[in-house]
C-alpha atoms as a PDB file:
ATOM      1  CA  MET A   1      27.931 114.757  87.866  1.00  0.00           C
ATOM      2  CA  THR A   2      29.696 117.938  87.301  1.00  0.00           C
ATOM      3  CA  ALA A   3      33.245 119.113  87.861  1.00  0.00           C
ATOM      4  CA  PRO A   4      33.940 122.153  89.761  1.00  0.00           C
ATOM      5  CA  GLN A   5      33.535 125.421  87.963  1.00  0.00           C
ATOM      6  CA  LEU A   6      36.554 126.749  85.699  1.00  0.00           C
ATOM      7  CA  VAL A   7      38.456 129.673  86.964  1.00  0.00           C
ATOM      8  CA  GLU A   8      39.325 133.072  85.258  1.00  0.00           C
ATOM      9  CA  VAL A   9      43.096 133.552  84.793  1.00  0.00           C
ATOM     10  CA  ALA A  10      45.064 136.361  83.445  1.00  0.00           C
ATOM     11  CA  ASP A  11      45.971 136.002  79.636  1.00  0.00           C
ATOM     12  CA  GLU A  12      49.528 136.359  80.590  1.00  0.00           C
ATOM     13  CA  VAL A  13      49.443 133.074  82.870  1.00  0.00           C
ATOM     14  CA  VAL A  14      47.762 131.035  80.235  1.00  0.00           C
ATOM     15  CA  ALA A  15      50.448 132.247  77.744  1.00  0.00           C
ATOM     16  CA  ASP A  16      53.268 131.361  79.972  1.00  0.00           C
ATOM     17  CA  LEU A  17      51.647 127.899  80.821  1.00  0.00           C
ATOM     18  CA  LYS A  18      51.296 127.234  77.113  1.00  0.00           C
ATOM     19  CA  LYS A  19      54.837 128.254  76.394  1.00  0.00           C
ATOM     20  CA  LYS A  20      56.062 125.627  78.842  1.00  0.00           C
ATOM     21  CA  LEU A  21      53.590 123.122  77.523  1.00  0.00           C
ATOM     22  CA  VAL A  22      55.183 123.221  73.449  1.00  0.00           C
ATOM     23  CA  ASP A  23      58.676 123.649  75.044  1.00  0.00           C
ATOM     24  CA  PRO A  24      60.609 120.705  73.604  1.00  0.00           C
ATOM     25  CA  ASN A  25      62.685 121.255  76.560  1.00  0.00           C
ATOM     26  CA  SER A  26      59.957 120.659  79.009  1.00  0.00           C
ATOM     27  CA  SER A  27      60.084 117.284  80.785  1.00  0.00           C
ATOM     28  CA  LEU A  28      57.376 115.255  81.086  1.00  0.00           C
ATOM     29  CA  PRO A  29      56.469 115.870  84.583  1.00  0.00           C
ATOM     30  CA  GLU A  30      56.843 119.562  84.249  1.00  0.00           C
ATOM     31  CA  LYS A  31      54.116 119.321  81.302  1.00  0.00           C
ATOM     32  CA  TYR A  32      51.891 117.493  83.405  1.00  0.00           C
ATOM     33  CA  ARG A  33      52.011 120.216  86.081  1.00  0.00           C
ATOM     34  CA  VAL A  34      51.051 122.510  83.359  1.00  0.00           C
ATOM     35  CA  LEU A  35      48.099 120.208  81.994  1.00  0.00           C
ATOM     36  CA  PHE A  36      46.658 119.973  85.413  1.00  0.00           C
ATOM     37  CA  SER A  37      46.558 123.815  85.757  1.00  0.00           C
ATOM     38  CA  LEU A  38      45.213 124.571  82.112  1.00  0.00           C
ATOM     39  CA  ARG A  39      42.574 121.741  82.937  1.00  0.00           C
ATOM     40  CA  ASN A  40      40.760 124.130  85.444  1.00  0.00           C
ATOM     41  CA  VAL A  41      41.061 127.409  83.405  1.00  0.00           C
ATOM     42  CA  LYS A  42      38.297 129.181  81.823  1.00  0.00           C
ATOM     43  CA  GLY A  43      38.270 130.253  78.260  1.00  0.00           C
ATOM     44  CA  ALA A  44      39.470 129.614  74.419  1.00  0.00           C
ATOM     45  CA  ALA A  45      43.285 130.150  75.259  1.00  0.00           C
ATOM     46  CA  ALA A  46      43.346 127.308  77.796  1.00  0.00           C
ATOM     47  CA  HIS A  47      41.315 125.323  75.455  1.00  0.00           C
ATOM     48  CA  ASP A  48      43.717 126.085  72.373  1.00  0.00           C
ATOM     49  CA  ALA A  49      46.727 125.236  74.506  1.00  0.00           C
ATOM     50  CA  LEU A  50      45.108 121.734  75.441  1.00  0.00           C
ATOM     51  CA  GLU A  51      44.294 121.154  71.909  1.00  0.00           C
ATOM     52  CA  LEU A  52      47.910 121.705  71.001  1.00  0.00           C
ATOM     53  CA  ALA A  53      49.218 119.325  73.549  1.00  0.00           C
ATOM     54  CA  LEU A  54      47.303 116.495  71.675  1.00  0.00           C
ATOM     55  CA  LYS A  55      50.177 116.586  69.111  1.00  0.00           C
ATOM     56  CA  ASP A  56      52.595 115.377  71.876  1.00  0.00           C
ATOM     57  CA  ASP A  57      54.939 112.352  71.099  1.00  0.00           C
ATOM     58  CA  SER A  58      53.913 110.697  74.474  1.00  0.00           C
ATOM     59  CA  ALA A  59      50.708 108.630  74.058  1.00  0.00           C
ATOM     60  CA  LEU A  60      50.238 108.700  77.875  1.00  0.00           C
ATOM     61  CA  PHE A  61      50.463 112.465  77.579  1.00  0.00           C
ATOM     62  CA  ARG A  62      47.885 112.663  74.947  1.00  0.00           C
ATOM     63  CA  HIS A  63      45.677 110.625  76.577  1.00  0.00           C
ATOM     64  CA  ASP A  64      45.472 112.567  79.802  1.00  0.00           C
ATOM     65  CA  VAL A  65      45.136 115.833  77.589  1.00  0.00           C
ATOM     66  CA  ALA A  66      41.871 113.857  76.306  1.00  0.00           C
ATOM     67  CA  PHE A  67      40.585 113.329  79.650  1.00  0.00           C
ATOM     68  CA  CYS A  68      41.339 116.955  81.033  1.00  0.00           C
ATOM     69  CA  LEU A  69      39.286 118.017  77.820  1.00  0.00           C
ATOM     70  CA  GLY A  70      36.104 116.059  78.787  1.00  0.00           C
ATOM     71  CA  GLN A  71      36.579 117.131  82.568  1.00  0.00           C
ATOM     72  CA  ARG A  72      36.173 120.694  81.250  1.00  0.00           C
ATOM     73  CA  GLN A  73      32.785 119.737  79.599  1.00  0.00           C
ATOM     74  CA  ASP A  74      33.669 122.192  76.870  1.00  0.00           C
ATOM     75  CA  SER A  75      31.988 121.576  73.844  1.00  0.00           C
ATOM     76  CA  ARG A  76      34.574 123.171  71.706  1.00  0.00           C
ATOM     77  CA  ALA A  77      36.290 119.985  72.287  1.00  0.00           C
ATOM     78  CA  VAL A  78      33.939 117.984  70.571  1.00  0.00           C
ATOM     79  CA  GLN A  79      35.415 118.256  66.898  1.00  0.00           C
ATOM     80  CA  VAL A  80      38.985 117.188  68.345  1.00  0.00           C
ATOM     81  CA  LEU A  81      37.849 114.340  70.194  1.00  0.00           C
ATOM     82  CA  THR A  82      35.897 112.828  67.393  1.00  0.00           C
ATOM     83  CA  SER A  83      38.964 113.166  65.254  1.00  0.00           C
ATOM     84  CA  ILE A  84      40.854 111.108  67.770  1.00  0.00           C
ATOM     85  CA  LEU A  85      38.256 108.488  68.315  1.00  0.00           C
ATOM     86  CA  HIS A  86      38.078 108.035  64.461  1.00  0.00           C
ATOM     87  CA  ASP A  87      41.857 107.843  63.877  1.00  0.00           C
ATOM     88  CA  ASN A  88      42.734 103.973  63.970  1.00  0.00           C
ATOM     89  CA  ASN A  89      46.598 105.057  63.885  1.00  0.00           C
ATOM     90  CA  GLU A  90      46.056 106.555  67.255  1.00  0.00           C
ATOM     91  CA  HIS A  91      46.887 104.653  70.423  1.00  0.00           C
ATOM     92  CA  PRO A  92      44.043 102.696  71.494  1.00  0.00           C
ATOM     93  CA  MET A  93      44.289 104.268  74.946  1.00  0.00           C
ATOM     94  CA  VAL A  94      44.058 107.821  73.569  1.00  0.00           C
ATOM     95  CA  ARG A  95      40.907 106.657  71.523  1.00  0.00           C
ATOM     96  CA  HIS A  96      39.227 105.470  74.741  1.00  0.00           C
ATOM     97  CA  GLU A  97      40.035 108.545  76.552  1.00  0.00           C
ATOM     98  CA  ALA A  98      38.505 110.635  73.749  1.00  0.00           C
ATOM     99  CA  GLY A  99      35.362 108.370  73.888  1.00  0.00           C
ATOM    100  CA  GLU A 100      35.149 108.895  77.726  1.00  0.00           C
ATOM    101  CA  ALA A 101      35.640 112.520  77.149  1.00  0.00           C
ATOM    102  CA  LEU A 102      32.565 112.835  74.572  1.00  0.00           C
ATOM    103  CA  GLY A 103      30.722 111.103  77.139  1.00  0.00           C
ATOM    104  CA  ALA A 104      31.569 113.694  79.939  1.00  0.00           C
ATOM    105  CA  ILE A 105      30.681 116.585  77.553  1.00  0.00           C
ATOM    106  CA  GLY A 106      27.475 114.714  76.819  1.00  0.00           C
ATOM    107  CA  THR A 107      25.761 117.131  74.122  1.00  0.00           C
ATOM    108  CA  GLU A 108      23.839 116.177  71.234  1.00  0.00           C
ATOM    109  CA  GLU A 109      26.733 116.288  68.809  1.00  0.00           C
ATOM    110  CA  CYS A 110      28.791 113.719  70.702  1.00  0.00           C
ATOM    111  CA  LEU A 111      26.165 110.907  69.919  1.00  0.00           C
ATOM    112  CA  THR A 112      27.111 110.134  66.579  1.00  0.00           C
ATOM    113  CA  PRO A 113      30.703 109.380  66.971  1.00  0.00           C
ATOM    114  CA  LEU A 114      29.904 107.312  69.833  1.00  0.00           C
ATOM    115  CA  ARG A 115      27.279 105.375  68.092  1.00  0.00           C
ATOM    116  CA  GLU A 116      29.873 104.769  65.229  1.00  0.00           C
ATOM    117  CA  HIS A 117      32.300 103.311  67.576  1.00  0.00           C
ATOM    118  CA  GLN A 118      30.245 101.427  70.099  1.00  0.00           C
ATOM    119  CA  GLN A 119      31.422  98.014  68.247  1.00  0.00           C
ATOM    120  CA  ASP A 120      34.791  99.058  67.701  1.00  0.00           C
ATOM    121  CA  SER A 121      37.340  96.456  66.941  1.00  0.00           C
ATOM    122  CA  VAL A 122      39.384  97.665  70.063  1.00  0.00           C
ATOM    123  CA  LEU A 123      37.522  96.158  72.803  1.00  0.00           C
ATOM    124  CA  GLU A 124      38.270  99.071  75.469  1.00  0.00           C
ATOM    125  CA  VAL A 125      37.121 101.576  72.902  1.00  0.00           C
ATOM    126  CA  ALA A 126      34.245  99.901  72.265  1.00  0.00           C
ATOM    127  CA  GLU A 127      33.243  99.441  76.161  1.00  0.00           C
ATOM    128  CA  THR A 128      33.958 103.090  76.626  1.00  0.00           C
ATOM    129  CA  CYS A 129      31.765 104.322  73.879  1.00  0.00           C
ATOM    130  CA  GLN A 130      28.667 102.093  75.356  1.00  0.00           C
ATOM    131  CA  LEU A 131      29.125 103.358  78.540  1.00  0.00           C
ATOM    132  CA  ALA A 132      29.591 106.804  77.396  1.00  0.00           C
ATOM    133  CA  LEU A 133      25.968 106.331  75.383  1.00  0.00           C
ATOM    134  CA  GLN A 134      24.391 104.838  78.404  1.00  0.00           C
ATOM    135  CA  ARG A 135      25.694 107.865  80.562  1.00  0.00           C
ATOM    136  CA  ILE A 136      24.165 110.453  78.352  1.00  0.00           C
ATOM    137  CA  GLU A 137      20.856 108.424  78.322  1.00  0.00           C
ATOM    138  CA  TRP A 138      20.879 108.028  82.014  1.00  0.00           C
ATOM    139  CA  LEU A 139      21.100 111.867  82.406  1.00  0.00           C
ATOM    140  CA  LYS A 140      18.691 112.436  80.170  1.00  0.00           C
ATOM    141  CA  ALA A 141      16.055 110.301  82.589  1.00  0.00           C
ATOM    142  CA  HIS A 142      17.378 111.989  85.536  1.00  0.00           C
ATOM    143  CA  PRO A 143      18.316 115.644  84.629  1.00  0.00           C
ATOM    144  CA  GLU A 144      18.772 116.776  88.238  1.00  0.00           C
ATOM    145  CA  ALA A 145      21.627 114.461  88.381  1.00  0.00           C
ATOM    146  CA  GLY A 146      23.642 116.771  86.149  1.00  0.00           C
ATOM    147  CA  ASP A 147      24.120 119.417  88.666  1.00  0.00           C
ATOM    148  CA  GLU A 148      25.507 117.140  91.308  1.00  0.00           C
ATOM    149  CA  GLU A 149      29.048 117.878  92.021  1.00  0.00           C
ATOM    150  CA  SER A 150      31.440 114.834  92.545  1.00  0.00           C
ATOM    151  CA  PRO A 151      33.199 114.513  96.128  1.00  0.00           C
ATOM    152  CA  TYR A 152      36.376 113.826  93.844  1.00  0.00           C
ATOM    153  CA  TYR A 153      36.181 116.732  91.647  1.00  0.00           C
ATOM    154  CA  SER A 154      35.672 114.357  88.603  1.00  0.00           C
ATOM    155  CA  VAL A 155      33.103 113.817  85.908  1.00  0.00           C
ATOM    156  CA  ASP A 156      32.507 110.042  86.475  1.00  0.00           C
ATOM    157  CA  PRO A 157      31.899 107.788  83.331  1.00  0.00           C
ATOM    158  CA  THR A 158      28.829 106.509  85.155  1.00  0.00           C
ATOM    159  CA  PRO A 159      26.653 107.744  88.412  1.00  0.00           C
ATOM    160  CA  ALA A 160      27.259 105.961  91.516  1.00  0.00           C
ATOM    161  CA  LEU A 161      25.044 103.971  93.343  1.00  0.00           C
ATOM    162  CA  PRO A 162      23.864 105.162  96.842  1.00  0.00           C
ATOM    163  CA  THR A 163      26.508 104.758  99.383  1.00  0.00           C
ATOM    164  CA  SER A 164      23.781 103.215 101.390  1.00  0.00           C
ATOM    165  CA  THR A 165      23.847 100.270  99.347  1.00  0.00           C
ATOM    166  CA  PRO A 166      25.463  97.278 101.714  1.00  0.00           C
ATOM    167  CA  THR A 167      29.269  96.961 100.533  1.00  0.00           C
ATOM    168  CA  GLU A 168      28.628  93.193  99.989  1.00  0.00           C
ATOM    169  CA  GLU A 169      25.872  93.955  97.587  1.00  0.00           C
ATOM    170  CA  LEU A 170      28.229  96.397  95.864  1.00  0.00           C
ATOM    171  CA  ARG A 171      30.912  93.744  95.631  1.00  0.00           C
ATOM    172  CA  GLN A 172      28.528  91.281  94.146  1.00  0.00           C
ATOM    173  CA  VAL A 173      27.480  93.742  91.324  1.00  0.00           C
ATOM    174  CA  LEU A 174      31.120  94.880  90.736  1.00  0.00           C
ATOM    175  CA  LEU A 175      32.375  91.218  90.234  1.00  0.00           C
ATOM    176  CA  ASP A 176      29.393  89.680  88.297  1.00  0.00           C
ATOM    177  CA  GLU A 177      30.645  89.384  84.661  1.00  0.00           C
ATOM    178  CA  ASN A 178      27.185  89.029  83.456  1.00  0.00           C
ATOM    179  CA  LYS A 179      26.172  92.370  84.554  1.00  0.00           C
ATOM    180  CA  ARG A 180      26.126  95.441  82.146  1.00  0.00           C
ATOM    181  CA  MET A 181      29.617  97.489  82.231  1.00  0.00           C
ATOM    182  CA  PHE A 182      27.231 100.606  83.188  1.00  0.00           C
ATOM    183  CA  ASP A 183      26.156  98.710  86.561  1.00  0.00           C
ATOM    184  CA  ARG A 184      29.623  97.567  87.350  1.00  0.00           C
ATOM    185  CA  TYR A 185      30.880 100.786  87.308  1.00  0.00           C
ATOM    186  CA  SER A 186      27.960 102.540  89.046  1.00  0.00           C
ATOM    187  CA  ALA A 187      28.991  99.796  92.001  1.00  0.00           C
ATOM    188  CA  LEU A 188      32.538 100.836  91.682  1.00  0.00           C
ATOM    189  CA  PHE A 189      32.090 104.525  92.126  1.00  0.00           C
ATOM    190  CA  ALA A 190      29.965 103.774  95.175  1.00  0.00           C
ATOM    191  CA  LEU A 191      32.413 101.804  96.877  1.00  0.00           C
ATOM    192  CA  ARG A 192      35.031 104.599  96.144  1.00  0.00           C
ATOM    193  CA  ASN A 193      32.454 107.086  97.831  1.00  0.00           C
ATOM    194  CA  LYS A 194      32.105 104.612 100.646  1.00  0.00           C
ATOM    195  CA  GLY A 195      35.601 104.050 101.408  1.00  0.00           C
ATOM    196  CA  GLY A 196      36.942 101.943 104.044  1.00  0.00           C
ATOM    197  CA  ASP A 197      38.833  98.561 104.409  1.00  0.00           C
ATOM    198  CA  GLU A 198      36.061  96.698 103.093  1.00  0.00           C
ATOM    199  CA  ALA A 199      35.423  98.767 100.102  1.00  0.00           C
ATOM    200  CA  VAL A 200      39.299  98.850  99.151  1.00  0.00           C
ATOM    201  CA  ALA A 201      39.162  94.803  99.373  1.00  0.00           C
ATOM    202  CA  ALA A 202      35.944  94.634  96.948  1.00  0.00           C
ATOM    203  CA  LEU A 203      37.789  97.055  94.547  1.00  0.00           C
ATOM    204  CA  GLY A 204      41.134  95.023  94.563  1.00  0.00           C
ATOM    205  CA  ALA A 205      39.073  91.875  93.941  1.00  0.00           C
ATOM    206  CA  VAL A 206      38.431  93.071  90.398  1.00  0.00           C
ATOM    207  CA  PHE A 207      41.989  92.610  89.379  1.00  0.00           C
ATOM    208  CA  GLY A 208      41.233  88.995  88.686  1.00  0.00           C
ATOM    209  CA  ALA A 209      38.435  90.213  86.221  1.00  0.00           C
ATOM    210  CA  ARG A 210      38.514  90.021  82.260  1.00  0.00           C
ATOM    211  CA  SER A 211      37.894  93.560  81.565  1.00  0.00           C
ATOM    212  CA  ALA A 212      40.951  95.644  81.325  1.00  0.00           C
ATOM    213  CA  LEU A 213      38.763  98.771  81.008  1.00  0.00           C
ATOM    214  CA  LEU A 214      37.144  97.996  84.433  1.00  0.00           C
ATOM    215  CA  LYS A 215      40.745  96.967  85.906  1.00  0.00           C
ATOM    216  CA  HIS A 216      41.969 100.336  84.926  1.00  0.00           C
ATOM    217  CA  GLU A 217      38.871 102.450  86.434  1.00  0.00           C
ATOM    218  CA  VAL A 218      39.535 100.290  89.787  1.00  0.00           C
ATOM    219  CA  ALA A 219      43.214 101.542  89.760  1.00  0.00           C
ATOM    220  CA  TYR A 220      42.289 105.094  89.050  1.00  0.00           C
ATOM    221  CA  VAL A 221      39.790 105.321  91.743  1.00  0.00           C
ATOM    222  CA  MET A 222      42.302 103.965  94.190  1.00  0.00           C
ATOM    223  CA  GLY A 223      44.473 106.784  93.422  1.00  0.00           C
ATOM    224  CA  GLN A 224      41.616 108.994  93.967  1.00  0.00           C
ATOM    225  CA  MET A 225      41.005 107.329  97.653  1.00  0.00           C
ATOM    226  CA  LEU A 226      44.378 107.717  98.688  1.00  0.00           C
ATOM    227  CA  ASP A 227      44.127 104.657 100.951  1.00  0.00           C
ATOM    228  CA  LYS A 228      47.201 102.912 101.815  1.00  0.00           C
ATOM    229  CA  LYS A 229      45.243  99.467 102.098  1.00  0.00           C
ATOM    230  CA  ALA A 230      45.429  99.656  98.269  1.00  0.00           C
ATOM    231  CA  VAL A 231      48.990  99.678  97.717  1.00  0.00           C
ATOM    232  CA  ASP A 232      49.559  95.869  97.713  1.00  0.00           C
ATOM    233  CA  PHE A 233      46.998  95.605  95.004  1.00  0.00           C
ATOM    234  CA  LEU A 234      48.522  98.121  92.971  1.00  0.00           C
ATOM    235  CA  SER A 235      51.985  96.984  93.476  1.00  0.00           C
ATOM    236  CA  GLY A 236      50.823  93.779  92.319  1.00  0.00           C
ATOM    237  CA  VAL A 237      49.085  95.141  89.108  1.00  0.00           C
ATOM    238  CA  LEU A 238      52.385  97.289  88.195  1.00  0.00           C
ATOM    239  CA  LYS A 239      54.644  94.001  88.802  1.00  0.00           C
ATOM    240  CA  ASN A 240      52.571  92.089  86.258  1.00  0.00           C
ATOM    241  CA  PRO A 241      54.225  92.309  82.841  1.00  0.00           C
ATOM    242  CA  GLU A 242      50.867  90.031  81.540  1.00  0.00           C
ATOM    243  CA  GLU A 243      48.551  92.747  82.650  1.00  0.00           C
ATOM    244  CA  HIS A 244      47.521  95.030  80.219  1.00  0.00           C
ATOM    245  CA  ALA A 245      49.274  98.521  79.762  1.00  0.00           C
ATOM    246  CA  MET A 246      46.307 100.634  80.599  1.00  0.00           C
ATOM    247  CA  VAL A 247      45.896  98.926  84.013  1.00  0.00           C
ATOM    248  CA  ARG A 248      49.639  99.067  84.839  1.00  0.00           C
ATOM    249  CA  HIS A 249      49.812 102.626  84.093  1.00  0.00           C
ATOM    250  CA  GLU A 250      46.821 103.641  86.265  1.00  0.00           C
ATOM    251  CA  ALA A 251      48.470 101.652  89.037  1.00  0.00           C
ATOM    252  CA  ALA A 252      51.452 103.521  88.727  1.00  0.00           C
ATOM    253  CA  GLU A 253      49.943 106.727  88.537  1.00  0.00           C
ATOM    254  CA  ALA A 254      47.777 105.606  91.686  1.00  0.00           C
ATOM    255  CA  LEU A 255      50.851 104.670  93.719  1.00  0.00           C
ATOM    256  CA  GLY A 256      52.292 107.987  92.958  1.00  0.00           C
ATOM    257  CA  ALA A 257      49.006 109.824  94.475  1.00  0.00           C
ATOM    258  CA  ILE A 258      48.948 107.674  97.514  1.00  0.00           C
ATOM    259  CA  ALA A 259      52.726 108.538  98.224  1.00  0.00           C
ATOM    260  CA  ASP A 260      53.552 105.746 100.245  1.00  0.00           C
ATOM    261  CA  ARG A 261      57.084 105.461 100.815  1.00  0.00           C
ATOM    262  CA  VAL A 262      57.366 101.832 100.039  1.00  0.00           C
ATOM    263  CA  THR A 263      56.362 102.429  96.780  1.00  0.00           C
ATOM    264  CA  LEU A 264      59.280 104.586  95.694  1.00  0.00           C
ATOM    265  CA  GLU A 265      61.735 101.819  94.801  1.00  0.00           C
ATOM    266  CA  LEU A 266      59.041  99.983  92.825  1.00  0.00           C
ATOM    267  CA  LEU A 267      58.388 103.267  90.876  1.00  0.00           C
ATOM    268  CA  ARG A 268      61.946 103.712  90.255  1.00  0.00           C
ATOM    269  CA  GLN A 269      62.310 100.285  89.004  1.00  0.00           C
ATOM    270  CA  TYR A 270      59.397 100.298  86.797  1.00  0.00           C
ATOM    271  CA  ALA A 271      60.183 103.523  85.273  1.00  0.00           C
ATOM    272  CA  ALA A 272      62.581 101.753  83.005  1.00  0.00           C
ATOM    273  CA  ASP A 273      60.061  99.512  81.907  1.00  0.00           C
ATOM    274  CA  PRO A 274      59.978  98.619  78.050  1.00  0.00           C
ATOM    275  CA  GLU A 275      56.201  99.539  77.836  1.00  0.00           C
ATOM    276  CA  PRO A 276      56.645 103.167  77.252  1.00  0.00           C
ATOM    277  CA  ILE A 277      53.107 104.045  78.964  1.00  0.00           C
ATOM    278  CA  VAL A 278      54.057 102.105  82.055  1.00  0.00           C
ATOM    279  CA  ALA A 279      57.561 103.911  82.208  1.00  0.00           C
ATOM    280  CA  HIS A 280      56.280 107.490  81.710  1.00  0.00           C
ATOM    281  CA  SER A 281      53.578 106.705  84.180  1.00  0.00           C
ATOM    282  CA  CYS A 282      56.441 105.718  86.700  1.00  0.00           C
ATOM    283  CA  VAL A 283      58.233 109.197  85.836  1.00  0.00           C
ATOM    284  CA  VAL A 284      55.242 111.098  86.423  1.00  0.00           C
ATOM    285  CA  ALA A 285      54.225 109.033  89.795  1.00  0.00           C
ATOM    286  CA  LEU A 286      57.936 109.820  91.128  1.00  0.00           C
ATOM    287  CA  ASP A 287      57.649 113.324  90.547  1.00  0.00           C
ATOM    288  CA  VAL A 288      53.919 113.231  92.274  1.00  0.00           C
ATOM    289  CA  LEU A 289      55.157 111.356  95.056  1.00  0.00           C
ATOM    290  CA  GLU A 290      58.388 114.082  95.690  1.00  0.00           C
ATOM    291  CA  PHE A 291      55.580 116.768  95.582  1.00  0.00           C
ATOM    292  CA  GLU A 292      53.460 115.330  97.948  1.00  0.00           C
ATOM    293  CA  GLN A 293      56.457 114.358 100.518  1.00  0.00           C
ATOM    294  CA  SER A 294      57.445 118.043 100.093  1.00  0.00           C
ATOM    295  CA  GLY A 295      54.126 118.707 101.471  1.00  0.00           C
ATOM    296  CA  GLY A 296      52.596 120.471  98.496  1.00  0.00           C
ATOM    297  CA  PHE A 297      48.860 120.722  98.270  1.00  0.00           C
ATOM    298  CA  GLU A 298      48.174 121.219  94.411  1.00  0.00           C
ATOM    299  CA  TYR A 299      50.146 119.327  91.541  1.00  0.00           C
ATOM    300  CA  ALA A 300      50.112 122.118  89.146  1.00  0.00           C
ATOM    301  CA  ASP A 301      52.048 124.524  87.198  1.00  0.00           C
ATOM    302  CA  LYS A 302      51.337 128.246  88.841  1.00  0.00           C
ATOM    303  CA  GLY A 303      52.484 130.087  86.009  1.00  0.00           C
ATOM    304  CA  ALA A 304      54.830 133.165  85.871  1.00  0.00           C
ATOM    305  CA  ASN A 305      52.859 135.215  88.612  1.00  0.00           C
ATOM    306  CA  GLY A 306      53.051 132.102  90.966  1.00  0.00           C
ATOM    307  CA  GLU A 307      49.389 131.877  91.348  1.00  0.00           C
ATOM    308  CA  ALA A 308      47.733 128.451  90.821  1.00  0.00           C
ATOM    309  CA  PRO A 309      44.828 128.672  88.290  1.00  0.00           C
ATOM    310  CA  ALA A 310      42.710 126.616  91.027  1.00  0.00           C
ATOM    311  CA  LYS A 311      43.068 125.559  94.396  1.00  0.00           C
ATOM    312  CA  ARG A 312      42.035 121.945  94.513  1.00  0.00           C
ATOM    313  CA  PRO A 313      43.904 118.574  96.179  1.00  0.00           C
ATOM    314  CA  ILE A 314      46.256 116.555  94.268  1.00  0.00           C
ATOM    315  CA  CYS A 315      44.954 113.762  91.923  1.00  0.00           C
ATOM    316  CA  PRO A 316      46.541 113.820  88.519  1.00  0.00           C
ATOM    317  CA  CYS A 317      45.851 110.143  87.810  1.00  0.00           C
ATOM    318  CA  ARG A 318      43.494 108.949  85.242  1.00  0.00           C
ATOM    319  CA  GLY A 319      42.578 106.256  82.633  1.00  0.00           C
END
């Protein structure tokens, strides 16, 4: 359950990326390309640049910065993530991501803030902290699992159940409102890893569930899977103004990652959505879609020397 190793990059490349990150003239898509480069870079300079990005005006961008700090699994991020989690004036989605990031880092110092917020007044924050604590507890009981690399280059909030588990059994666990969220997430990631039409259909059934947290994670993994059978599910979520913004935003970014031509007009339409998180997600998704259609491989800023910090398939979406 570890992300791939961070890579060494020349100081001047990091400095150039940082300059673009804080430049007020940089567009949101440009900042995202920088973000997903710095995510993969080893060292204090990259970490400091990411911390600086947490001051950005966009809640969407701040939440993805928090995500990247967690994916790096660098304990230097614990202090700033804890501050975000404690800040009731911060957007709930950013606080949720800070809690998940603390769970991904998983050190002892992460436990106190997570315990303090496992009954947070914001349900999505509370559920996130509960999941994070359960993940840390599970890894303590299964230390060998900490060295497993995700097939999707991500540090997941929970372990996946074995892919040998029958799809219908996973579907039942996923949709059971009486199951622990930890168990439902584990079934979710197993379905992602299995892939195929039945798995996508089982995941899509979650959009009728109560938990916004669970639904947003399903939209995220659909973006990871890049399966066009998910487009109808995701389009329905994006179009629904009654759905939680964190779910709609994940649906938009997933549609951009899947890069189906039929989603282009939909994303353009909702780029003007009155909810900024949804609108900004559509703007980023359109940039991703354009990048995919150009035949690009990695959605990242290559820096001044033209070398990307890491060679990894595109998947900039996250919850």
